[in-house]
Amino acid sequence: LPHELREKIKWFNADMSASFKEAELEKLTSSETWGLHTTMSFGMGMDIPDISLIIQWQVTCKLAALWQHFSHTVRDKCLAGTALLFVEKEYFDDEQAAKAARKAR
């Protein structure tokens, strides 16, 4: 992000103080903050019904945990949300097969 917008996306993890978490949650729900870069700790006890976009970089957990992470997208059934998963191509089966074939040659 450009320098003047860098405060719009905040880091959020379990080591943050309770007062910081409360303040950042208020800023997120009021749209003062556009988004949070979080660890799994964000989902613990959070009830925000209108998160419209969740982006997961890499699969760093089991599928059940990933689905739970994605389930935080719009809990209000009147809204629509999007969950995106970004995975490097080397983790796909066809890429792994092609790499094994190149290695075998």
PDB file of N, CA and C in Angstrom:
ATOM      1  N   LEU A   1       0.837  -1.189   0.000  1.00  0.00           N
ATOM      2  CA  LEU A   1       0.000   0.000   0.000  1.00  0.00           C
ATOM      3  C   LEU A   1       0.877   1.246   0.000  1.00  0.00           C
ATOM      4  N   PRO A   2       0.378   2.335  -0.577  1.00  0.00           N
ATOM      5  CA  PRO A   2       1.112   3.598  -0.484  1.00  0.00           C
ATOM      6  C   PRO A   2       1.264   3.985   0.992  1.00  0.00           C
ATOM      7  N   HIS A   3       2.306   4.714   1.289  1.00  0.00           N
ATOM      8  CA  HIS A   3       2.634   5.083   2.666  1.00  0.00           C
ATOM      9  C   HIS A   3       1.426   5.676   3.417  1.00  0.00           C
ATOM     10  N   GLU A   4       0.678   6.524   2.757  1.00  0.00           N
ATOM     11  CA  GLU A   4      -0.438   7.200   3.441  1.00  0.00           C
ATOM     12  C   GLU A   4      -1.610   6.275   3.772  1.00  0.00           C
ATOM     13  N   LEU A   5      -1.610   5.057   3.217  1.00  0.00           N
ATOM     14  CA  LEU A   5      -2.698   4.109   3.486  1.00  0.00           C
ATOM     15  C   LEU A   5      -2.262   2.919   4.345  1.00  0.00           C
ATOM     16  N   ARG A   6      -1.026   2.874   4.755  1.00  0.00           N
ATOM     17  CA  ARG A   6      -0.504   1.701   5.473  1.00  0.00           C
ATOM     18  C   ARG A   6      -1.179   1.456   6.811  1.00  0.00           C
ATOM     19  N   GLU A   7      -1.750   2.465   7.409  1.00  0.00           N
ATOM     20  CA  GLU A   7      -2.458   2.275   8.680  1.00  0.00           C
ATOM     21  C   GLU A   7      -3.851   1.669   8.487  1.00  0.00           C
ATOM     22  N   LYS A   8      -4.260   1.462   7.247  1.00  0.00           N
ATOM     23  CA  LYS A   8      -5.588   0.907   6.970  1.00  0.00           C
ATOM     24  C   LYS A   8      -5.634  -0.612   7.124  1.00  0.00           C
ATOM     25  N   ILE A   9      -4.467  -1.271   7.072  1.00  0.00           N
ATOM     26  CA  ILE A   9      -4.370  -2.716   7.272  1.00  0.00           C
ATOM     27  C   ILE A   9      -3.491  -2.931   8.494  1.00  0.00           C
ATOM     28  N   LYS A  10      -4.013  -3.614   9.504  1.00  0.00           N
ATOM     29  CA  LYS A  10      -3.294  -3.781  10.767  1.00  0.00           C
ATOM     30  C   LYS A  10      -2.929  -5.239  11.015  1.00  0.00           C
ATOM     31  N   TRP A  11      -1.872  -5.452  11.783  1.00  0.00           N
ATOM     32  CA  TRP A  11      -1.440  -6.767  12.225  1.00  0.00           C
ATOM     33  C   TRP A  11      -2.201  -7.082  13.510  1.00  0.00           C
ATOM     34  N   PHE A  12      -2.650  -8.323  13.642  1.00  0.00           N
ATOM     35  CA  PHE A  12      -3.477  -8.721  14.788  1.00  0.00           C
ATOM     36  C   PHE A  12      -3.093 -10.137  15.160  1.00  0.00           C
ATOM     37  N   ASN A  13      -2.580 -10.350  16.391  1.00  0.00           N
ATOM     38  CA  ASN A  13      -2.247 -11.709  16.826  1.00  0.00           C
ATOM     39  C   ASN A  13      -2.506 -11.875  18.317  1.00  0.00           C
ATOM     40  N   ALA A  14      -2.280 -13.074  18.816  1.00  0.00           N
ATOM     41  CA  ALA A  14      -2.591 -13.400  20.215  1.00  0.00           C
ATOM     42  C   ALA A  14      -1.740 -12.619  21.209  1.00  0.00           C
ATOM     43  N   ASP A  15      -0.587 -12.113  20.796  1.00  0.00           N
ATOM     44  CA  ASP A  15       0.287 -11.380  21.703  1.00  0.00           C
ATOM     45  C   ASP A  15      -0.129  -9.924  21.913  1.00  0.00           C
ATOM     46  N   MET A  16      -1.085  -9.453  21.152  1.00  0.00           N
ATOM     47  CA  MET A  16      -1.546  -8.071  21.295  1.00  0.00           C
ATOM     48  C   MET A  16      -2.333  -7.934  22.597  1.00  0.00           C
ATOM     49  N   SER A  17      -2.276  -6.772  23.201  1.00  0.00           N
ATOM     50  CA  SER A  17      -3.009  -6.548  24.455  1.00  0.00           C
ATOM     51  C   SER A  17      -4.512  -6.545  24.195  1.00  0.00           C
ATOM     52  N   ALA A  18      -5.259  -6.812  25.217  1.00  0.00           N
ATOM     53  CA  ALA A  18      -6.719  -6.822  25.111  1.00  0.00           C
ATOM     54  C   ALA A  18      -7.235  -5.455  24.684  1.00  0.00           C
ATOM     55  N   SER A  19      -6.644  -4.388  25.203  1.00  0.00           N
ATOM     56  CA  SER A  19      -7.113  -3.046  24.832  1.00  0.00           C
ATOM     57  C   SER A  19      -6.814  -2.751  23.358  1.00  0.00           C
ATOM     58  N   PHE A  20      -5.645  -3.202  22.864  1.00  0.00           N
ATOM     59  CA  PHE A  20      -5.333  -3.026  21.440  1.00  0.00           C
ATOM     60  C   PHE A  20      -6.346  -3.784  20.593  1.00  0.00           C
ATOM     61  N   LYS A  21      -6.624  -5.035  20.963  1.00  0.00           N
ATOM     62  CA  LYS A  21      -7.575  -5.853  20.200  1.00  0.00           C
ATOM     63  C   LYS A  21      -8.958  -5.207  20.153  1.00  0.00           C
ATOM     64  N   GLU A  22      -9.410  -4.720  21.290  1.00  0.00           N
ATOM     65  CA  GLU A  22     -10.725  -4.073  21.336  1.00  0.00           C
ATOM     66  C   GLU A  22     -10.749  -2.822  20.464  1.00  0.00           C
ATOM     67  N   ALA A  23      -9.701  -2.020  20.546  1.00  0.00           N
ATOM     68  CA  ALA A  23      -9.633  -0.785  19.757  1.00  0.00           C
ATOM     69  C   ALA A  23      -9.600  -1.108  18.262  1.00  0.00           C
ATOM     70  N   GLU A  24      -8.800  -2.110  17.871  1.00  0.00           N
ATOM     71  CA  GLU A  24      -8.703  -2.462  16.452  1.00  0.00           C
ATOM     72  C   GLU A  24      -9.983  -3.100  15.936  1.00  0.00           C
ATOM     73  N   LEU A  25     -10.655  -3.867  16.773  1.00  0.00           N
ATOM     74  CA  LEU A  25     -11.937  -4.439  16.368  1.00  0.00           C
ATOM     75  C   LEU A  25     -12.955  -3.330  16.118  1.00  0.00           C
ATOM     76  N   GLU A  26     -12.957  -2.305  16.972  1.00  0.00           N
ATOM     77  CA  GLU A  26     -13.853  -1.156  16.786  1.00  0.00           C
ATOM     78  C   GLU A  26     -13.518  -0.419  15.497  1.00  0.00           C
ATOM     79  N   LYS A  27     -12.224  -0.239  15.226  1.00  0.00           N
ATOM     80  CA  LYS A  27     -11.816   0.438  13.994  1.00  0.00           C
ATOM     81  C   LYS A  27     -12.198  -0.371  12.760  1.00  0.00           C
ATOM     82  N   LEU A  28     -12.111  -1.703  12.854  1.00  0.00           N
ATOM     83  CA  LEU A  28     -12.492  -2.556  11.731  1.00  0.00           C
ATOM     84  C   LEU A  28     -13.995  -2.476  11.468  1.00  0.00           C
ATOM     85  N   THR A  29     -14.790  -2.576  12.517  1.00  0.00           N
ATOM     86  CA  THR A  29     -16.246  -2.560  12.337  1.00  0.00           C
ATOM     87  C   THR A  29     -16.766  -1.189  11.927  1.00  0.00           C
ATOM     88  N   SER A  30     -16.007  -0.120  12.225  1.00  0.00           N
ATOM     89  CA  SER A  30     -16.432   1.223  11.814  1.00  0.00           C
ATOM     90  C   SER A  30     -15.847   1.618  10.452  1.00  0.00           C
ATOM     91  N   SER A  31     -15.067   0.723   9.850  1.00  0.00           N
ATOM     92  CA  SER A  31     -14.413   0.930   8.540  1.00  0.00           C
ATOM     93  C   SER A  31     -13.258   1.920   8.591  1.00  0.00           C
ATOM     94  N   GLU A  32     -12.822   2.320   9.777  1.00  0.00           N
ATOM     95  CA  GLU A  32     -11.628   3.153   9.871  1.00  0.00           C
ATOM     96  C   GLU A  32     -10.407   2.336   9.427  1.00  0.00           C
ATOM     97  N   THR A  33     -10.381   1.063   9.822  1.00  0.00           N
ATOM     98  CA  THR A  33      -9.375   0.106   9.358  1.00  0.00           C
ATOM     99  C   THR A  33     -10.035  -0.722   8.272  1.00  0.00           C
ATOM    100  N   TRP A  34      -9.334  -0.967   7.182  1.00  0.00           N
ATOM    101  CA  TRP A  34      -9.902  -1.717   6.055  1.00  0.00           C
ATOM    102  C   TRP A  34      -9.783  -3.220   6.233  1.00  0.00           C
ATOM    103  N   GLY A  35      -8.759  -3.655   6.942  1.00  0.00           N
ATOM    104  CA  GLY A  35      -8.564  -5.087   7.085  1.00  0.00           C
ATOM    105  C   GLY A  35      -7.511  -5.398   8.122  1.00  0.00           C
ATOM    106  N   LEU A  36      -7.440  -6.678   8.472  1.00  0.00           N
ATOM    107  CA  LEU A  36      -6.479  -7.138   9.455  1.00  0.00           C
ATOM    108  C   LEU A  36      -5.677  -8.291   8.885  1.00  0.00           C
ATOM    109  N   HIS A  37      -4.393  -8.264   9.137  1.00  0.00           N
ATOM    110  CA  HIS A  37      -3.513  -9.390   8.815  1.00  0.00           C
ATOM    111  C   HIS A  37      -3.433 -10.168  10.119  1.00  0.00           C
ATOM    112  N   THR A  38      -4.042 -11.346  10.152  1.00  0.00           N
ATOM    113  CA  THR A  38      -4.231 -12.026  11.428  1.00  0.00           C
ATOM    114  C   THR A  38      -3.616 -13.413  11.472  1.00  0.00           C
ATOM    115  N   THR A  39      -3.482 -13.899  12.687  1.00  0.00           N
ATOM    116  CA  THR A  39      -3.197 -15.304  12.925  1.00  0.00           C
ATOM    117  C   THR A  39      -4.536 -15.951  13.257  1.00  0.00           C
ATOM    118  N   MET A  40      -4.512 -17.232  13.538  1.00  0.00           N
ATOM    119  CA  MET A  40      -5.763 -17.935  13.869  1.00  0.00           C
ATOM    120  C   MET A  40      -6.414 -17.368  15.131  1.00  0.00           C
ATOM    121  N   SER A  41      -5.672 -16.638  15.940  1.00  0.00           N
ATOM    122  CA  SER A  41      -6.222 -16.078  17.169  1.00  0.00           C
ATOM    123  C   SER A  41      -7.369 -15.105  16.907  1.00  0.00           C
ATOM    124  N   PHE A  42      -7.418 -14.539  15.714  1.00  0.00           N
ATOM    125  CA  PHE A  42      -8.479 -13.569  15.420  1.00  0.00           C
ATOM    126  C   PHE A  42      -9.856 -14.197  15.541  1.00  0.00           C
ATOM    127  N   GLY A  43      -9.997 -15.431  15.122  1.00  0.00           N
ATOM    128  CA  GLY A  43     -11.308 -16.085  15.145  1.00  0.00           C
ATOM    129  C   GLY A  43     -11.796 -16.464  16.521  1.00  0.00           C
ATOM    130  N   MET A  44     -10.918 -16.446  17.504  1.00  0.00           N
ATOM    131  CA  MET A  44     -11.299 -16.843  18.858  1.00  0.00           C
ATOM    132  C   MET A  44     -12.152 -15.759  19.511  1.00  0.00           C
ATOM    133  N   GLY A  45     -13.424 -16.023  19.643  1.00  0.00           N
ATOM    134  CA  GLY A  45     -14.316 -15.107  20.331  1.00  0.00           C
ATOM    135  C   GLY A  45     -14.767 -13.903  19.520  1.00  0.00           C
ATOM    136  N   MET A  46     -14.411 -13.832  18.259  1.00  0.00           N
ATOM    137  CA  MET A  46     -14.825 -12.712  17.426  1.00  0.00           C
ATOM    138  C   MET A  46     -16.178 -13.017  16.792  1.00  0.00           C
ATOM    139  N   ASP A  47     -17.054 -12.059  16.810  1.00  0.00           N
ATOM    140  CA  ASP A  47     -18.358 -12.225  16.190  1.00  0.00           C
ATOM    141  C   ASP A  47     -18.656 -10.983  15.361  1.00  0.00           C
ATOM    142  N   ILE A  48     -18.130 -10.982  14.149  1.00  0.00           N
ATOM    143  CA  ILE A  48     -18.351  -9.869  13.231  1.00  0.00           C
ATOM    144  C   ILE A  48     -19.159 -10.438  12.063  1.00  0.00           C
ATOM    145  N   PRO A  49     -20.427 -10.071  11.936  1.00  0.00           N
ATOM    146  CA  PRO A  49     -21.298 -10.725  10.957  1.00  0.00           C
ATOM    147  C   PRO A  49     -21.121 -10.286   9.511  1.00  0.00           C
ATOM    148  N   ASP A  50     -20.325  -9.247   9.249  1.00  0.00           N
ATOM    149  CA  ASP A  50     -20.292  -8.715   7.883  1.00  0.00           C
ATOM    150  C   ASP A  50     -18.892  -8.619   7.281  1.00  0.00           C
ATOM    151  N   ILE A  51     -17.996  -9.542   7.636  1.00  0.00           N
ATOM    152  CA  ILE A  51     -16.684  -9.581   6.987  1.00  0.00           C
ATOM    153  C   ILE A  51     -16.909 -10.112   5.572  1.00  0.00           C
ATOM    154  N   SER A  52     -16.635  -9.288   4.570  1.00  0.00           N
ATOM    155  CA  SER A  52     -16.986  -9.667   3.197  1.00  0.00           C
ATOM    156  C   SER A  52     -15.863 -10.352   2.435  1.00  0.00           C
ATOM    157  N   LEU A  53     -14.631 -10.289   2.932  1.00  0.00           N
ATOM    158  CA  LEU A  53     -13.514 -10.890   2.211  1.00  0.00           C
ATOM    159  C   LEU A  53     -12.495 -11.470   3.186  1.00  0.00           C
ATOM    160  N   ILE A  54     -12.172 -12.733   2.982  1.00  0.00           N
ATOM    161  CA  ILE A  54     -11.106 -13.385   3.735  1.00  0.00           C
ATOM    162  C   ILE A  54     -10.117 -13.932   2.724  1.00  0.00           C
ATOM    163  N   ILE A  55      -8.843 -13.638   2.935  1.00  0.00           N
ATOM    164  CA  ILE A  55      -7.788 -14.128   2.051  1.00  0.00           C
ATOM    165  C   ILE A  55      -6.836 -14.971   2.877  1.00  0.00           C
ATOM    166  N   GLN A  56      -6.613 -16.194   2.449  1.00  0.00           N
ATOM    167  CA  GLN A  56      -5.668 -17.092   3.112  1.00  0.00           C
ATOM    168  C   GLN A  56      -4.458 -17.268   2.204  1.00  0.00           C
ATOM    169  N   TRP A  57      -3.273 -16.929   2.716  1.00  0.00           N
ATOM    170  CA  TRP A  57      -2.037 -17.119   1.963  1.00  0.00           C
ATOM    171  C   TRP A  57      -1.436 -18.439   2.427  1.00  0.00           C
ATOM    172  N   GLN A  58      -1.324 -19.382   1.532  1.00  0.00           N
ATOM    173  CA  GLN A  58      -0.792 -20.727   1.760  1.00  0.00           C
ATOM    174  C   GLN A  58      -1.719 -21.545   2.645  1.00  0.00           C
ATOM    175  N   VAL A  59      -1.635 -22.840   2.470  1.00  0.00           N
ATOM    176  CA  VAL A  59      -2.379 -23.748   3.323  1.00  0.00           C
ATOM    177  C   VAL A  59      -1.444 -24.136   4.455  1.00  0.00           C
ATOM    178  N   THR A  60      -1.668 -23.544   5.604  1.00  0.00           N
ATOM    179  CA  THR A  60      -0.782 -23.766   6.746  1.00  0.00           C
ATOM    180  C   THR A  60      -1.454 -24.578   7.834  1.00  0.00           C
ATOM    181  N   CYS A  61      -2.610 -25.155   7.521  1.00  0.00           N
ATOM    182  CA  CYS A  61      -3.370 -25.869   8.536  1.00  0.00           C
ATOM    183  C   CYS A  61      -4.136 -27.020   7.885  1.00  0.00           C
ATOM    184  N   LYS A  62      -4.831 -27.774   8.680  1.00  0.00           N
ATOM    185  CA  LYS A  62      -5.664 -28.863   8.173  1.00  0.00           C
ATOM    186  C   LYS A  62      -6.917 -28.281   7.515  1.00  0.00           C
ATOM    187  N   LEU A  63      -7.544 -29.083   6.658  1.00  0.00           N
ATOM    188  CA  LEU A  63      -8.716 -28.622   5.913  1.00  0.00           C
ATOM    189  C   LEU A  63      -9.830 -28.144   6.848  1.00  0.00           C
ATOM    190  N   ALA A  64     -10.064 -28.856   7.941  1.00  0.00           N
ATOM    191  CA  ALA A  64     -11.124 -28.459   8.883  1.00  0.00           C
ATOM    192  C   ALA A  64     -10.855 -27.066   9.441  1.00  0.00           C
ATOM    193  N   ALA A  65      -9.609 -26.770   9.753  1.00  0.00           N
ATOM    194  CA  ALA A  65      -9.262 -25.442  10.278  1.00  0.00           C
ATOM    195  C   ALA A  65      -9.430 -24.378   9.194  1.00  0.00           C
ATOM    196  N   LEU A  66      -9.080 -24.734   7.956  1.00  0.00           N
ATOM    197  CA  LEU A  66      -9.245 -23.791   6.844  1.00  0.00           C
ATOM    198  C   LEU A  66     -10.718 -23.454   6.643  1.00  0.00           C
ATOM    199  N   TRP A  67     -11.587 -24.463   6.683  1.00  0.00           N
ATOM    200  CA  TRP A  67     -13.026 -24.207   6.538  1.00  0.00           C
ATOM    201  C   TRP A  67     -13.533 -23.332   7.675  1.00  0.00           C
ATOM    202  N   GLN A  68     -13.038 -23.576   8.884  1.00  0.00           N
ATOM    203  CA  GLN A  68     -13.463 -22.739  10.006  1.00  0.00           C
ATOM    204  C   GLN A  68     -13.007 -21.304   9.793  1.00  0.00           C
ATOM    205  N   HIS A  69     -11.791 -21.141   9.289  1.00  0.00           N
ATOM    206  CA  HIS A  69     -11.269 -19.802   8.990  1.00  0.00           C
ATOM    207  C   HIS A  69     -12.154 -19.111   7.956  1.00  0.00           C
ATOM    208  N   PHE A  70     -12.486 -19.829   6.897  1.00  0.00           N
ATOM    209  CA  PHE A  70     -13.342 -19.262   5.847  1.00  0.00           C
ATOM    210  C   PHE A  70     -14.763 -18.991   6.342  1.00  0.00           C
ATOM    211  N   SER A  71     -15.198 -19.726   7.361  1.00  0.00           N
ATOM    212  CA  SER A  71     -16.577 -19.550   7.850  1.00  0.00           C
ATOM    213  C   SER A  71     -16.788 -18.201   8.532  1.00  0.00           C
ATOM    214  N   HIS A  72     -15.720 -17.468   8.776  1.00  0.00           N
ATOM    215  CA  HIS A  72     -15.865 -16.130   9.367  1.00  0.00           C
ATOM    216  C   HIS A  72     -16.328 -15.104   8.336  1.00  0.00           C
ATOM    217  N   THR A  73     -16.388 -15.511   7.068  1.00  0.00           N
ATOM    218  CA  THR A  73     -16.890 -14.615   6.026  1.00  0.00           C
ATOM    219  C   THR A  73     -18.400 -14.486   6.182  1.00  0.00           C
ATOM    220  N   VAL A  74     -18.906 -13.306   6.166  1.00  0.00           N
ATOM    221  CA  VAL A  74     -20.314 -12.920   6.325  1.00  0.00           C
ATOM    222  C   VAL A  74     -21.198 -13.968   7.007  1.00  0.00           C
ATOM    223  N   ARG A  75     -21.384 -13.771   8.276  1.00  0.00           N
ATOM    224  CA  ARG A  75     -22.281 -14.642   9.038  1.00  0.00           C
ATOM    225  C   ARG A  75     -23.728 -14.169   8.907  1.00  0.00           C
ATOM    226  N   ASP A  76     -23.914 -12.981   8.371  1.00  0.00           N
ATOM    227  CA  ASP A  76     -25.258 -12.464   8.110  1.00  0.00           C
ATOM    228  C   ASP A  76     -25.715 -13.083   6.793  1.00  0.00           C
ATOM    229  N   LYS A  77     -26.754 -13.897   6.835  1.00  0.00           N
ATOM    230  CA  LYS A  77     -27.202 -14.649   5.647  1.00  0.00           C
ATOM    231  C   LYS A  77     -27.796 -13.760   4.560  1.00  0.00           C
ATOM    232  N   CYS A  78     -28.000 -12.490   4.848  1.00  0.00           N
ATOM    233  CA  CYS A  78     -28.498 -11.558   3.832  1.00  0.00           C
ATOM    234  C   CYS A  78     -27.362 -11.004   2.974  1.00  0.00           C
ATOM    235  N   LEU A  79     -26.121 -11.289   3.345  1.00  0.00           N
ATOM    236  CA  LEU A  79     -24.963 -10.755   2.629  1.00  0.00           C
ATOM    237  C   LEU A  79     -24.220 -11.867   1.903  1.00  0.00           C
ATOM    238  N   ALA A  80     -23.390 -11.486   0.953  1.00  0.00           N
ATOM    239  CA  ALA A  80     -22.533 -12.441   0.248  1.00  0.00           C
ATOM    240  C   ALA A  80     -21.081 -12.099   0.556  1.00  0.00           C
ATOM    241  N   GLY A  81     -20.247 -13.120   0.648  1.00  0.00           N
ATOM    242  CA  GLY A  81     -18.838 -12.906   0.935  1.00  0.00           C
ATOM    243  C   GLY A  81     -17.967 -13.778   0.056  1.00  0.00           C
ATOM    244  N   THR A  82     -16.670 -13.520   0.120  1.00  0.00           N
ATOM    245  CA  THR A  82     -15.708 -14.251  -0.691  1.00  0.00           C
ATOM    246  C   THR A  82     -14.551 -14.701   0.184  1.00  0.00           C
ATOM    247  N   ALA A  83     -14.144 -15.948  -0.002  1.00  0.00           N
ATOM    248  CA  ALA A  83     -12.954 -16.474   0.655  1.00  0.00           C
ATOM    249  C   ALA A  83     -11.996 -16.902  -0.449  1.00  0.00           C
ATOM    250  N   LEU A  84     -10.778 -16.387  -0.400  1.00  0.00           N
ATOM    251  CA  LEU A  84      -9.763 -16.699  -1.408  1.00  0.00           C
ATOM    252  C   LEU A  84      -8.620 -17.468  -0.765  1.00  0.00           C
ATOM    253  N   LEU A  85      -8.122 -18.467  -1.487  1.00  0.00           N
ATOM    254  CA  LEU A  85      -6.974 -19.234  -1.034  1.00  0.00           C
ATOM    255  C   LEU A  85      -5.883 -19.099  -2.076  1.00  0.00           C
ATOM    256  N   PHE A  86      -4.750 -18.536  -1.682  1.00  0.00           N
ATOM    257  CA  PHE A  86      -3.600 -18.402  -2.571  1.00  0.00           C
ATOM    258  C   PHE A  86      -2.590 -19.487  -2.214  1.00  0.00           C
ATOM    259  N   VAL A  87      -2.275 -20.328  -3.201  1.00  0.00           N
ATOM    260  CA  VAL A  87      -1.340 -21.428  -2.997  1.00  0.00           C
ATOM    261  C   VAL A  87      -0.320 -21.396  -4.127  1.00  0.00           C
ATOM    262  N   GLU A  88       0.946 -21.584  -3.783  1.00  0.00           N
ATOM    263  CA  GLU A  88       1.983 -21.616  -4.802  1.00  0.00           C
ATOM    264  C   GLU A  88       1.791 -22.829  -5.698  1.00  0.00           C
ATOM    265  N   LYS A  89       2.097 -22.684  -6.975  1.00  0.00           N
ATOM    266  CA  LYS A  89       1.832 -23.732  -7.949  1.00  0.00           C
ATOM    267  C   LYS A  89       2.567 -25.031  -7.644  1.00  0.00           C
ATOM    268  N   GLU A  90       3.703 -24.982  -6.961  1.00  0.00           N
ATOM    269  CA  GLU A  90       4.454 -26.206  -6.714  1.00  0.00           C
ATOM    270  C   GLU A  90       3.741 -27.185  -5.783  1.00  0.00           C
ATOM    271  N   TYR A  91       2.650 -26.759  -5.158  1.00  0.00           N
ATOM    272  CA  TYR A  91       1.898 -27.645  -4.270  1.00  0.00           C
ATOM    273  C   TYR A  91       0.760 -28.391  -4.975  1.00  0.00           C
ATOM    274  N   PHE A  92       0.523 -28.103  -6.244  1.00  0.00           N
ATOM    275  CA  PHE A  92      -0.525 -28.800  -6.982  1.00  0.00           C
ATOM    276  C   PHE A  92       0.011 -30.119  -7.530  1.00  0.00           C
ATOM    277  N   ASP A  93      -0.851 -31.135  -7.572  1.00  0.00           N
ATOM    278  CA  ASP A  93      -0.445 -32.474  -8.002  1.00  0.00           C
ATOM    279  C   ASP A  93       0.180 -32.485  -9.395  1.00  0.00           C
ATOM    280  N   ASP A  94      -0.391 -31.737 -10.349  1.00  0.00           N
ATOM    281  CA  ASP A  94       0.157 -31.757 -11.706  1.00  0.00           C
ATOM    282  C   ASP A  94       1.559 -31.154 -11.747  1.00  0.00           C
ATOM    283  N   GLU A  95       1.816 -30.142 -10.946  1.00  0.00           N
ATOM    284  CA  GLU A  95       3.152 -29.554 -10.885  1.00  0.00           C
ATOM    285  C   GLU A  95       4.141 -30.516 -10.237  1.00  0.00           C
ATOM    286  N   GLN A  96       3.707 -31.210  -9.204  1.00  0.00           N
ATOM    287  CA  GLN A  96       4.577 -32.175  -8.547  1.00  0.00           C
ATOM    288  C   GLN A  96       4.891 -33.346  -9.492  1.00  0.00           C
ATOM    289  N   ALA A  97       3.892 -33.790 -10.266  1.00  0.00           N
ATOM    290  CA  ALA A  97       4.117 -34.868 -11.241  1.00  0.00           C
ATOM    291  C   ALA A  97       5.085 -34.427 -12.337  1.00  0.00           C
ATOM    292  N   ALA A  98       4.935 -33.207 -12.818  1.00  0.00           N
ATOM    293  CA  ALA A  98       5.833 -32.687 -13.847  1.00  0.00           C
ATOM    294  C   ALA A  98       7.258 -32.570 -13.317  1.00  0.00           C
ATOM    295  N   LYS A  99       7.403 -32.146 -12.070  1.00  0.00           N
ATOM    296  CA  LYS A  99       8.729 -32.038 -11.461  1.00  0.00           C
ATOM    297  C   LYS A  99       9.370 -33.429 -11.326  1.00  0.00           C
ATOM    298  N   ALA A 100       8.578 -34.414 -10.914  1.00  0.00           N
ATOM    299  CA  ALA A 100       9.091 -35.783 -10.774  1.00  0.00           C
ATOM    300  C   ALA A 100       9.497 -36.334 -12.138  1.00  0.00           C
ATOM    301  N   ALA A 101       8.711 -36.012 -13.186  1.00  0.00           N
ATOM    302  CA  ALA A 101       9.041 -36.492 -14.542  1.00  0.00           C
ATOM    303  C   ALA A 101      10.336 -35.849 -15.031  1.00  0.00           C
ATOM    304  N   ARG A 102      10.516 -34.568 -14.781  1.00  0.00           N
ATOM    305  CA  ARG A 102      11.763 -33.887 -15.175  1.00  0.00           C
ATOM    306  C   ARG A 102      12.958 -34.479 -14.442  1.00  0.00           C
ATOM    307  N   LYS A 103      12.755 -34.774 -13.183  1.00  0.00           N
ATOM    308  CA  LYS A 103      13.836 -35.340 -12.380  1.00  0.00           C
ATOM    309  C   LYS A 103      14.206 -36.752 -12.882  1.00  0.00           C
ATOM    310  N   ALA A 104      13.196 -37.527 -13.284  1.00  0.00           N
ATOM    311  CA  ALA A 104      13.415 -38.882 -13.768  1.00  0.00           C
ATOM    312  C   ALA A 104      14.177 -38.874 -15.107  1.00  0.00           C
ATOM    313  N   ARG A 105      13.944 -37.837 -15.922  1.00  0.00           N
ATOM    314  CA  ARG A 105      14.653 -37.735 -17.211  1.00  0.00           C
ATOM    315  C   ARG A 105      16.084 -37.413 -16.975  1.00  0.00           C
TER     316      ARG A 105
END
